[in-house]
Protein backbone atom coordinates (compact mmCIF):
# COMPACT_ATOMS: atom_id res chain seq x y z
CA MET A 1 0.08 -0.02 0.10
CA PRO A 2 1.40 3.43 -0.81
CA LEU A 3 2.44 5.87 1.94
CA SER A 4 -0.15 8.42 1.01
CA GLN A 5 -2.92 5.74 1.51
CA ASP A 6 -1.59 4.73 4.98
CA ASN A 7 -1.63 8.43 6.06
CA ASP A 8 -5.32 8.76 4.73
CA ILE A 9 -6.42 5.75 6.71
CA GLU A 10 -4.55 6.96 9.76
CA GLN A 11 -6.27 10.37 9.50
CA SER A 12 -9.67 8.92 9.09
CA MET A 13 -9.48 6.98 12.53
CA THR A 14 -11.83 8.79 14.97
CA ALA A 15 -11.49 9.13 18.71
CA GLY A 16 -14.05 6.30 19.04
CA ASP A 17 -11.96 4.01 16.77
CA VAL A 18 -8.82 4.61 18.97
CA THR A 19 -10.90 4.02 22.07
CA GLY A 20 -12.09 0.86 20.66
CA VAL A 21 -8.59 -0.36 19.86
CA LEU A 22 -7.42 0.60 23.40
CA ALA A 23 -10.45 -1.28 24.73
CA ASP A 24 -9.76 -4.31 22.80
CA GLN A 25 -6.13 -4.30 23.89
CA SER A 26 -7.22 -3.88 27.45
CA ASP A 27 -9.69 -6.93 27.19
CA VAL A 28 -6.93 -9.08 25.83
CA LEU A 29 -4.55 -8.10 28.61
CA LEU A 30 -7.41 -8.59 31.18
CA ASP A 31 -8.03 -12.14 29.86
CA THR A 32 -4.38 -12.96 29.99
CA ASN A 33 -3.43 -11.49 33.39
CA GLY A 34 -6.93 -11.43 35.10
CA GLY A 35 -6.23 -7.88 36.48
CA GLU A 36 -8.51 -4.88 36.12
CA HIS A 37 -5.72 -2.34 36.85
CA LEU A 38 -4.43 -2.65 33.21
CA ARG A 39 -7.85 -1.44 31.93
CA GLU A 40 -7.63 1.53 34.41
CA THR A 41 -4.17 2.29 33.28
CA HIS A 42 -5.26 2.61 29.55
CA ASP A 43 -8.09 4.69 30.54
CA GLU A 44 -5.76 7.12 32.55
CA GLN A 45 -3.63 7.38 29.45
CA TRP A 46 -6.56 8.10 27.11
CA GLN A 47 -7.77 10.82 29.62
CA GLU A 48 -4.41 12.29 29.68
CA ARG A 49 -4.06 12.50 25.92
CA GLU A 50 -7.46 14.29 25.71
CA SER A 51 -6.52 16.70 28.49
CA ARG A 52 -3.25 17.46 26.71
CA ASN A 53 -4.99 18.71 23.62
CA ALA A 54 -5.34 22.25 25.04
CA LEU A 55 -3.64 24.33 27.68
CA LYS A 56 -6.09 25.58 30.17
CA HIS A 57 -6.21 29.28 31.07
CA VAL A 58 -6.56 29.95 34.73
CA ALA A 59 -9.14 32.65 35.26
CA GLY A 60 -8.12 35.84 37.04
CA LEU A 61 -4.60 35.81 35.88
CA GLY A 62 -3.18 38.13 33.28
CA GLU A 63 -6.09 40.82 33.89
CA ILE A 64 -4.23 42.83 36.55
CA GLN A 65 -3.57 46.36 35.38
CA ASP A 66 -2.65 48.17 38.66
CA VAL A 67 1.04 47.49 39.42
CA THR A 68 1.56 50.49 41.63
CA GLU A 69 2.37 48.22 44.73
CA VAL A 70 5.50 46.89 43.11
CA GLU A 71 6.59 49.95 41.21
CA TYR A 72 8.22 51.40 44.22
CA ARG A 73 10.88 48.60 44.02
CA LYS A 74 12.51 50.29 41.15
CA VAL A 75 13.08 47.16 39.23
CA ARG A 76 12.26 46.34 35.67
CA LEU A 77 8.75 44.94 35.40
CA GLU A 78 9.03 41.81 33.49
CA ARG A 79 6.12 40.37 31.55
CA VAL A 80 5.71 36.72 32.64
CA VAL A 81 3.51 33.95 31.55
CA LEU A 82 2.87 31.29 34.28
CA VAL A 83 2.91 27.53 33.49
CA GLY A 84 2.00 24.46 35.67
CA VAL A 85 1.53 20.79 35.22
CA TRP A 86 -0.80 18.80 37.40
CA SER A 87 -1.78 15.18 37.93
CA SER A 88 -5.09 13.92 39.22
CA ARG A 89 -3.20 11.27 41.12
CA GLU A 90 -1.55 13.85 43.31
CA THR A 91 -3.88 16.81 43.44
CA THR A 92 -7.09 18.29 42.15
CA GLN A 93 -7.63 20.92 39.50
CA ALA A 94 -8.93 23.41 42.16
CA ALA A 95 -5.62 23.06 44.17
CA ALA A 96 -3.62 23.38 41.12
CA GLU A 97 -5.33 26.58 40.10
CA GLU A 98 -4.84 27.94 43.70
CA SER A 99 -1.17 27.11 43.53
CA LEU A 100 -0.84 28.93 40.19
CA ARG A 101 -2.56 32.02 41.79
CA GLU A 102 -0.18 31.96 44.67
CA LEU A 103 2.65 31.90 42.09
CA ALA A 104 1.12 35.00 40.39
CA ALA A 105 1.23 36.71 43.80
CA LEU A 106 4.93 35.74 44.16
CA ALA A 107 5.75 36.89 40.75
CA GLU A 108 4.06 40.40 41.26
CA THR A 109 5.80 40.74 44.60
CA ALA A 110 8.98 40.10 42.78
CA GLY A 111 8.19 42.94 40.34
CA ALA A 112 6.63 41.30 37.28
CA VAL A 113 3.47 41.77 35.37
CA VAL A 114 1.49 38.48 34.93
CA CYS A 115 0.25 38.15 31.42
CA ASP A 116 -1.32 34.74 31.50
CA GLY A 117 -1.54 31.57 33.56
CA LEU A 118 -1.66 28.20 31.97
CA LEU A 119 -2.24 24.74 33.34
CA GLN A 120 -1.66 21.39 31.70
CA HIS A 121 -3.09 18.07 32.95
CA ARG A 122 -0.93 15.09 32.44
CA ILE A 123 0.14 11.92 34.46
CA LYS A 124 3.72 13.33 35.08
CA PRO A 125 5.80 16.38 33.63
CA ASP A 126 7.60 15.67 30.29
CA ALA A 127 11.13 14.54 31.03
CA ALA A 128 12.59 16.70 28.39
CA THR A 129 10.68 20.11 28.22
CA TYR A 130 8.30 19.78 31.27
CA VAL A 131 5.18 20.35 29.07
CA GLY A 132 6.08 18.21 25.93
CA SER A 133 7.62 19.50 22.71
CA GLY A 134 4.30 20.32 21.04
CA LYS A 135 3.08 22.29 23.94
CA ALA A 136 6.46 24.01 24.23
CA ARG A 137 5.85 25.36 20.71
CA GLU A 138 2.34 26.46 21.57
CA LEU A 139 3.58 28.02 24.68
CA ALA A 140 6.24 29.87 22.59
CA GLY A 141 3.37 31.40 20.45
CA ILE A 142 1.35 32.55 23.49
CA VAL A 143 4.58 34.18 24.82
CA ALA A 144 5.07 36.00 21.49
CA GLN A 145 1.58 36.99 21.41
CA ASP A 146 1.66 38.49 24.98
CA GLU A 147 5.21 39.93 24.32
CA ALA A 148 6.31 38.24 27.47
CA ASP A 149 9.88 38.23 28.65
CA THR A 150 9.79 35.30 31.06
CA ILE A 151 8.21 31.93 31.76
CA VAL A 152 7.72 31.10 35.26
CA VAL A 153 7.01 27.43 36.10
CA ASP A 154 5.12 26.44 39.13
CA ASP A 155 7.66 23.73 40.07
CA ASP A 156 11.26 23.10 40.66
CA LEU A 157 12.80 22.60 37.39
CA PRO A 158 15.91 20.41 36.90
CA PRO A 159 18.64 22.32 34.79
CA SER A 160 18.04 20.13 31.70
CA GLN A 161 14.34 20.82 31.60
CA ARG A 162 14.89 24.52 32.00
CA ARG A 163 17.45 24.62 29.24
CA ALA A 164 15.34 22.52 26.85
CA LEU A 165 12.27 24.83 27.43
CA GLU A 166 14.33 27.94 27.00
CA ASP A 167 15.57 26.53 23.65
CA ALA A 168 12.05 25.70 22.57
CA THR A 169 10.43 29.24 23.63
CA LYS A 170 13.40 31.51 23.11
CA VAL A 171 12.89 33.29 26.44
CA LYS A 172 14.14 33.16 29.80
CA VAL A 173 12.62 30.33 32.03
CA VAL A 174 12.63 30.49 35.79
CA ASP A 175 11.00 28.15 38.41
CA ARG A 176 9.12 28.74 41.55
CA THR A 177 12.29 28.59 43.77
CA ALA A 178 13.98 31.31 41.72
CA VAL A 179 11.06 33.67 42.29
CA ILE A 180 11.03 33.13 45.96
CA LEU A 181 14.85 33.66 46.28
CA ASP A 182 14.53 36.78 44.37
CA ILE A 183 11.83 38.13 46.73
CA PHE A 184 14.04 37.18 49.75
CA ALA A 185 16.82 39.12 48.13
CA GLN A 186 14.73 42.25 47.76
CA HIS A 187 13.46 42.21 51.34
CA ALA A 188 16.70 41.33 53.28
CA THR A 189 17.90 44.38 55.24
CA SER A 190 20.17 43.17 58.00
CA ARG A 191 23.75 41.91 57.38
CA GLU A 192 22.92 38.48 58.34
CA GLY A 193 19.67 38.25 56.42
CA LYS A 194 21.55 39.46 53.25
CA ALA A 195 24.26 36.78 53.79
CA GLN A 196 21.64 34.00 54.29
CA VAL A 197 19.73 34.99 51.07
CA GLU A 198 23.00 35.05 49.09
CA LEU A 199 24.05 31.76 50.33
CA ALA A 200 20.63 30.27 49.43
CA GLN A 201 21.00 31.89 45.90
CA LEU A 202 24.57 30.60 45.27
CA GLU A 203 23.63 27.04 46.28
CA TYR A 204 20.58 27.28 43.86
CA MET A 205 22.69 28.72 41.14
CA LEU A 206 25.71 26.28 41.23
CA PRO A 207 24.20 23.39 39.46
CA ARG A 208 22.44 25.42 37.00
CA LEU A 209 25.35 27.40 35.42
CA ARG A 210 25.27 27.43 31.65
CA GLY A 211 27.89 28.31 29.24
CA TRP A 212 27.59 29.86 25.79
CA GLY A 213 30.06 29.66 22.82
CA GLY A 214 33.23 31.35 23.68
CA SER A 215 32.52 31.16 27.53
CA LEU A 216 33.36 27.47 27.34
CA SER A 217 36.87 28.02 26.01
CA ARG A 218 40.04 27.23 28.00
CA GLN A 219 41.30 29.98 30.21
CA ALA A 220 45.28 30.38 30.10
CA GLY A 221 45.80 27.04 28.45
CA GLY A 222 48.10 26.22 25.62
CA ARG A 223 48.29 28.90 22.99
CA ALA A 224 45.55 30.87 24.76
CA ALA A 225 48.12 31.77 27.33
CA GLY A 226 49.82 34.10 24.82
CA ASP A 227 52.87 35.90 26.35
CA ALA A 228 52.00 34.82 29.92
CA GLY A 229 55.15 32.78 29.77
CA ILE A 230 56.44 29.61 31.44
CA GLY A 231 53.99 28.03 33.93
CA SER A 232 50.94 29.40 32.28
CA ARG A 233 50.57 26.74 29.53
CA GLY A 234 48.60 23.49 29.93
CA PRO A 235 45.02 22.21 29.87
CA GLY A 236 43.87 25.36 31.43
CA GLU A 237 40.29 25.81 33.03
CA THR A 238 37.06 26.44 31.23
CA LYS A 239 34.97 29.47 32.04
CA ILE A 240 32.28 27.47 33.61
CA GLU A 241 34.66 25.60 35.72
CA MET A 242 36.18 28.94 36.94
CA ASP A 243 32.60 30.25 37.73
CA ARG A 244 31.97 27.11 39.80
CA ARG A 245 35.13 27.43 41.68
CA VAL A 246 34.40 31.18 42.54
CA ILE A 247 30.87 30.23 43.64
CA ARG A 248 32.10 27.38 45.85
CA SER A 249 34.70 29.88 47.53
CA ARG A 250 31.94 32.45 48.06
CA ILE A 251 29.62 29.90 49.58
CA ALA A 252 32.33 28.82 51.97
CA LYS A 253 33.08 32.41 53.04
CA LEU A 254 29.26 33.09 53.64
CA ARG A 255 28.94 30.02 55.73
CA ARG A 256 31.92 31.27 57.85
CA GLN A 257 30.31 34.65 58.17
CA ILE A 258 26.94 33.23 59.32
CA ALA A 259 28.74 31.05 61.84
CA GLN A 260 30.47 34.08 63.22
CA MET A 261 27.14 35.97 63.54
CA ALA A 262 25.75 33.17 65.79
CA PRO A 263 27.37 34.44 69.08
CA ALA A 264 25.56 37.64 68.70
CA ARG A 265 22.22 35.80 68.48
CA ASP A 266 23.17 33.74 71.35
CA VAL A 267 23.97 36.64 73.48
CA LYS A 268 20.64 38.28 72.77
CA ARG A 269 18.86 35.01 73.59
CA GLY A 270 21.01 34.33 76.68
CA ALA A 271 20.02 37.80 78.00
CA ARG A 272 16.40 36.91 77.64
CA ARG A 273 16.96 33.68 79.42
CA ARG A 274 19.07 35.24 82.14
CA PHE A 275 16.39 37.59 83.14
CA GLY A 276 13.69 35.03 82.82
CA LEU A 277 11.96 36.82 80.04
CA PRO A 278 9.24 34.51 78.43
CA THR A 279 9.23 34.54 74.59
CA VAL A 280 6.21 33.97 72.19
CA ALA A 281 7.19 33.05 68.71
CA VAL A 282 4.72 34.21 66.13
CA VAL A 283 4.65 31.93 63.14
CA GLY A 284 2.59 31.39 60.11
CA TYR A 285 2.15 31.42 56.24
CA THR A 286 3.52 34.42 54.39
CA ASN A 287 1.25 37.50 54.41
CA ALA A 288 -1.08 36.02 57.07
CA GLY A 289 -0.74 39.29 58.98
CA LYS A 290 1.87 38.26 61.63
CA SER A 291 3.45 41.66 61.95
CA SER A 292 0.16 43.43 61.97
CA LEU A 293 -0.99 41.24 64.75
CA THR A 294 2.37 41.67 66.60
CA ASN A 295 1.79 45.45 66.36
CA ARG A 296 -1.63 45.10 67.87
CA LEU A 297 -0.39 42.92 70.71
CA THR A 298 2.55 45.07 71.60
CA GLY A 299 1.68 48.54 70.48
CA SER A 300 5.00 48.55 68.36
CA ALA A 301 5.46 49.80 64.73
CA GLU A 302 6.94 46.98 62.69
CA LEU A 303 6.89 46.99 58.95
CA VAL A 304 3.46 46.18 57.67
CA GLU A 305 3.09 45.63 53.98
CA ASN A 306 0.54 43.75 51.80
CA ALA A 307 3.28 41.64 50.11
CA LEU A 308 4.61 38.24 50.46
CA PHE A 309 7.67 37.87 52.66
CA ALA A 310 7.86 41.42 53.81
CA THR A 311 9.35 40.29 57.05
CA LEU A 312 12.62 38.43 56.75
CA ASP A 313 14.73 39.60 59.69
CA THR A 314 13.40 38.37 63.19
CA ALA A 315 12.00 41.19 65.32
CA VAL A 316 11.72 40.97 69.01
CA ARG A 317 9.11 43.33 70.73
CA ARG A 318 8.48 43.53 74.38
CA ALA A 319 5.04 43.45 75.99
CA LYS A 320 3.74 43.81 79.60
CA ALA A 321 1.13 41.47 81.07
CA LYS A 322 -1.65 42.70 83.32
CA ASP A 323 0.17 41.60 86.43
CA GLY A 324 3.08 43.75 85.39
CA ARG A 325 5.24 40.83 84.12
CA LEU A 326 7.26 41.49 80.96
CA TYR A 327 7.38 39.09 78.09
CA ALA A 328 8.64 39.21 74.38
CA TYR A 329 6.94 38.54 70.97
CA VAL A 330 9.38 37.13 68.27
CA ASP A 331 8.10 37.88 64.80
CA THR A 332 9.58 35.28 62.44
CA VAL A 333 9.95 34.96 58.66
CA GLY A 334 6.71 33.66 56.90
CA PHE A 335 6.50 30.15 55.27
CA VAL A 336 5.09 29.07 51.97
CA ARG A 337 4.26 25.77 50.24
CA ARG A 338 7.30 23.99 48.87
CA LEU A 339 9.55 26.32 50.62
CA PRO A 340 13.07 25.92 48.92
CA THR A 341 15.35 23.54 51.03
CA GLN A 342 18.16 26.12 50.31
CA LEU A 343 16.18 28.77 52.28
CA ILE A 344 15.36 26.34 55.12
CA GLU A 345 18.94 25.64 55.50
CA ALA A 346 20.06 29.25 55.20
CA PHE A 347 17.48 30.57 57.61
CA LYS A 348 17.97 27.81 60.20
CA SER A 349 19.52 30.34 62.54
CA THR A 350 16.40 32.41 62.27
CA LEU A 351 14.13 29.44 62.96
CA GLU A 352 16.08 28.78 66.04
CA GLU A 353 14.12 31.49 67.74
CA VAL A 354 11.07 29.25 67.28
CA ALA A 355 12.73 26.37 69.17
CA ASP A 356 13.60 28.71 72.09
CA ALA A 357 10.30 29.97 72.56
CA ASP A 358 7.91 29.20 75.62
CA LEU A 359 4.89 29.66 73.43
CA ILE A 360 4.02 29.65 69.70
CA VAL A 361 1.21 31.70 68.19
CA HIS A 362 0.39 30.28 64.72
CA VAL A 363 -1.30 33.10 62.69
CA VAL A 364 -3.42 31.89 59.78
CA ASP A 365 -5.01 33.98 56.98
CA GLY A 366 -8.73 33.32 57.78
CA SER A 367 -9.67 35.07 54.51
CA HIS A 368 -7.71 32.53 52.31
CA PRO A 369 -9.95 30.09 50.25
CA ASP A 370 -8.16 27.19 52.01
CA PRO A 371 -6.56 28.26 55.17
CA PHE A 372 -6.15 24.69 56.43
CA SER A 373 -3.66 23.91 53.58
CA GLN A 374 -1.54 26.80 54.82
CA ILE A 375 -1.54 25.43 58.32
CA ASP A 376 -0.37 22.04 56.91
CA ALA A 377 2.52 23.79 54.96
CA VAL A 378 3.63 25.67 58.13
CA ASN A 379 3.58 22.46 60.24
CA ASP A 380 5.58 20.68 57.47
CA VAL A 381 8.43 23.39 58.05
CA LEU A 382 8.03 23.39 61.75
CA SER A 383 8.48 19.66 61.99
CA ASP A 384 12.17 20.02 60.69
CA ILE A 385 13.02 22.08 63.77
CA ASP A 386 14.02 20.18 66.80
CA GLY A 387 12.12 20.54 69.94
CA VAL A 388 9.08 22.45 68.37
CA GLU A 389 6.65 19.63 68.97
CA THR A 390 6.74 20.08 72.67
CA ILE A 391 6.15 23.75 72.71
CA PRO A 392 2.40 24.71 73.37
CA THR A 393 0.61 26.36 70.41
CA ILE A 394 -2.21 28.79 70.01
CA VAL A 395 -3.80 29.02 66.59
CA ALA A 396 -5.26 32.49 65.55
CA PHE A 397 -7.16 33.06 62.36
CA ASN A 398 -6.45 36.61 61.34
CA LYS A 399 -8.29 39.01 58.97
CA ALA A 400 -11.71 38.40 60.60
CA ASP A 401 -12.96 41.46 58.95
CA ARG A 402 -12.77 39.71 55.51
CA MET A 403 -14.09 36.33 56.63
CA ASP A 404 -17.87 35.44 55.64
CA GLU A 405 -20.14 33.57 57.92
CA ALA A 406 -19.60 30.34 56.19
CA ALA A 407 -15.79 30.51 56.80
CA ARG A 408 -16.30 31.41 60.46
CA GLU A 409 -18.74 28.45 60.86
CA ARG A 410 -16.23 26.09 59.33
CA VAL A 411 -13.14 27.34 61.52
CA GLU A 412 -15.33 26.94 64.70
CA ALA A 413 -16.41 23.51 63.78
CA LEU A 414 -13.03 22.07 62.69
CA MET A 415 -10.79 24.05 65.26
CA PRO A 416 -13.02 25.13 68.20
CA ASP A 417 -9.93 26.01 70.30
CA ALA A 418 -8.72 28.55 67.68
CA TYR A 419 -9.25 32.27 68.04
CA ILE A 420 -10.70 34.34 65.26
CA VAL A 421 -9.08 37.88 65.38
CA SER A 422 -8.52 41.02 63.30
CA ALA A 423 -5.41 42.93 63.46
CA PHE A 424 -7.21 45.56 61.49
CA SER A 425 -10.20 46.11 63.62
CA GLY A 426 -8.99 44.80 66.94
CA GLU A 427 -11.78 42.03 67.08
CA GLY A 428 -10.67 39.14 69.34
CA VAL A 429 -7.19 40.51 70.03
CA GLU A 430 -7.90 41.16 73.68
CA ALA A 431 -9.17 37.59 74.22
CA LEU A 432 -6.06 36.27 72.41
CA ARG A 433 -3.77 38.44 74.70
CA GLU A 434 -5.33 37.10 77.79
CA LYS A 435 -4.88 33.35 76.55
CA VAL A 436 -1.24 34.06 75.67
CA GLU A 437 -0.69 35.61 79.21
CA SER A 438 -2.37 32.72 80.96
CA MET A 439 -0.12 30.29 79.12
CA LEU A 440 3.29 31.99 79.96
CA PRO A 441 5.49 29.98 82.07
CA THR A 442 5.34 30.90 85.76
CA PRO A 443 8.35 31.37 87.92
CA ASN A 444 8.97 28.21 89.95
CA VAL A 445 10.67 29.63 93.09
CA HIS A 446 8.50 30.95 95.96
CA VAL A 447 10.58 33.59 98.06
CA GLU A 448 9.88 35.56 101.30
CA ALA A 449 12.66 38.03 102.21
CA LEU A 450 13.13 41.29 103.81
CA LEU A 451 15.00 43.73 101.44
CA PRO A 452 16.56 47.06 102.19
CA TYR A 453 14.99 50.15 100.65
CA ALA A 454 18.40 50.52 98.76
CA ALA A 455 17.51 47.37 96.78
CA GLY A 456 15.05 49.25 94.59
CA SER A 457 16.38 48.13 91.22
CA LEU A 458 16.06 44.52 92.52
CA MET A 459 12.41 44.93 93.44
CA SER A 460 11.88 46.54 89.91
CA ARG A 461 13.21 43.40 88.25
CA VAL A 462 11.05 41.21 90.44
CA ARG A 463 8.04 43.10 89.29
CA GLU A 464 9.16 42.90 85.67
CA TYR A 465 10.32 39.32 85.45
CA GLY A 466 8.60 37.60 88.47
CA ARG A 467 5.15 37.74 90.12
CA VAL A 468 4.77 39.66 93.21
CA VAL A 469 2.45 38.10 95.81
CA ASN A 470 2.65 40.75 98.47
CA VAL A 471 4.90 43.73 99.54
CA GLU A 472 4.88 45.06 103.05
CA TYR A 473 6.76 48.40 103.59
CA ARG A 474 8.05 48.39 107.19
CA ASP A 475 10.50 50.58 109.09
CA ASP A 476 13.33 48.18 108.63
CA GLY A 477 12.87 47.35 104.97
CA MET A 478 10.46 45.80 102.43
CA MET A 479 9.08 42.46 103.28
CA LEU A 480 8.55 40.80 99.86
CA GLU A 481 6.71 37.59 98.90
CA ALA A 482 6.97 36.60 95.29
CA GLU A 483 7.42 33.96 92.72
CA VAL A 484 10.69 34.28 90.73
CA ASP A 485 13.05 32.14 88.67
CA ASP A 486 16.44 30.65 90.11
CA GLN A 487 18.65 33.51 89.19
CA LEU A 488 16.34 36.30 90.66
CA ALA A 489 15.91 34.06 93.82
CA ALA A 490 19.78 33.94 94.30
CA GLN A 491 19.94 37.73 94.15
CA ILE A 492 17.16 38.25 96.56
CA VAL A 493 18.88 35.93 98.97
CA GLU A 494 22.14 37.79 98.48
CA GLN A 495 20.71 41.24 99.31
CA ALA A 496 18.09 40.20 101.95
CA ILE A 497 18.51 41.36 105.46
CA ASP A 498 19.27 38.63 107.93
């Protein structure tokens, strides 16, 4: 039969014919092996082929015109197209769309304009180009139509997939991790924070170096050495090898610098422990309102911004309980789904503040469509920190002013012990504060001593860091009855009048 006739026959086959062929094959295998799982496998493959016929546009992405919130960053506003692949074996379409919307928020925070968001349904990402060669060509057309500069993939791309997708679409391709690292680099302010972010970026960059043309040539090797003289000739070193060596040297230097900064953190934490100052760690998903709630609880003025990862450097704020005792709130960096492992390692020193806390307040964005998935994401990160599982935790659903009645009822049904608060309006904040103060650790030493009136500073520390039961002012001194920690008790005994 001529080749053209074969093509005509092949083109005349309908979807029903192909389905029938697959069904016949499935029946044969079913009879041979006696297992129905083979039929299910063929059905999944056929459903995947149908779903791959078109990229699904996610509603609500690419329609944002107002970019004033990110213009102040003074960075070039890139035009980006978002791409994601999801499998029905691992997640649902609604969850995949929500993940892509979160990626859009990340891209906008990094200073980009989102032109479009596309999802592809397939069993697993294509090993070569992530979306497949055909869809890569289709994606290149969409990028050209939108005049986009960059493709942002909602996944962690291996270097080979990123290069292949760049070659197919002719534009820059970055993954979710690169976007998060870029946001961290923009928001880091302290010396330690900048070093931690740079370390994470270099560790991410090292396996992804790519050379072009002359950049792969030998450096100072053979004739390339020119007139450099004796000792300069030889096989030399490629440009990419030199880049890797420079990056490894920089990584080693940053690790030494971060290790040298550890004593300063230990001194600050040691001072809080020495005075018996209880600490409350405020943790939660990024942009859940941790800094705003901390401001409400302490009356401080930390940076508050409607942006992801606005807080990167740990902020410690003092507060005074109703009984006069002092304690501290520790505002920590926010978490996100699939937080890059490089960042978790780099910010381990910051997360140590959580492990040293006496109480954890877990702040949740109550207005989010699925706040419980954010709780799971935060708990996954906290599970990697030693000792956190033994620290008592209070869950507070913030942004109550944006929650509808159905969301409130769901929270009250699923987590009856949680607090619904609003850092904006102040709703529920006082009840949360009372709960926090009631769960603070109490001093474990009961003392009764007669102190001289010259020990006024010691009495002041007892009021701030202990619990005064009774003070009787007598002619021969102050008769104090209080509950304090071991160190304050030793100072009281030392200055007491025999």
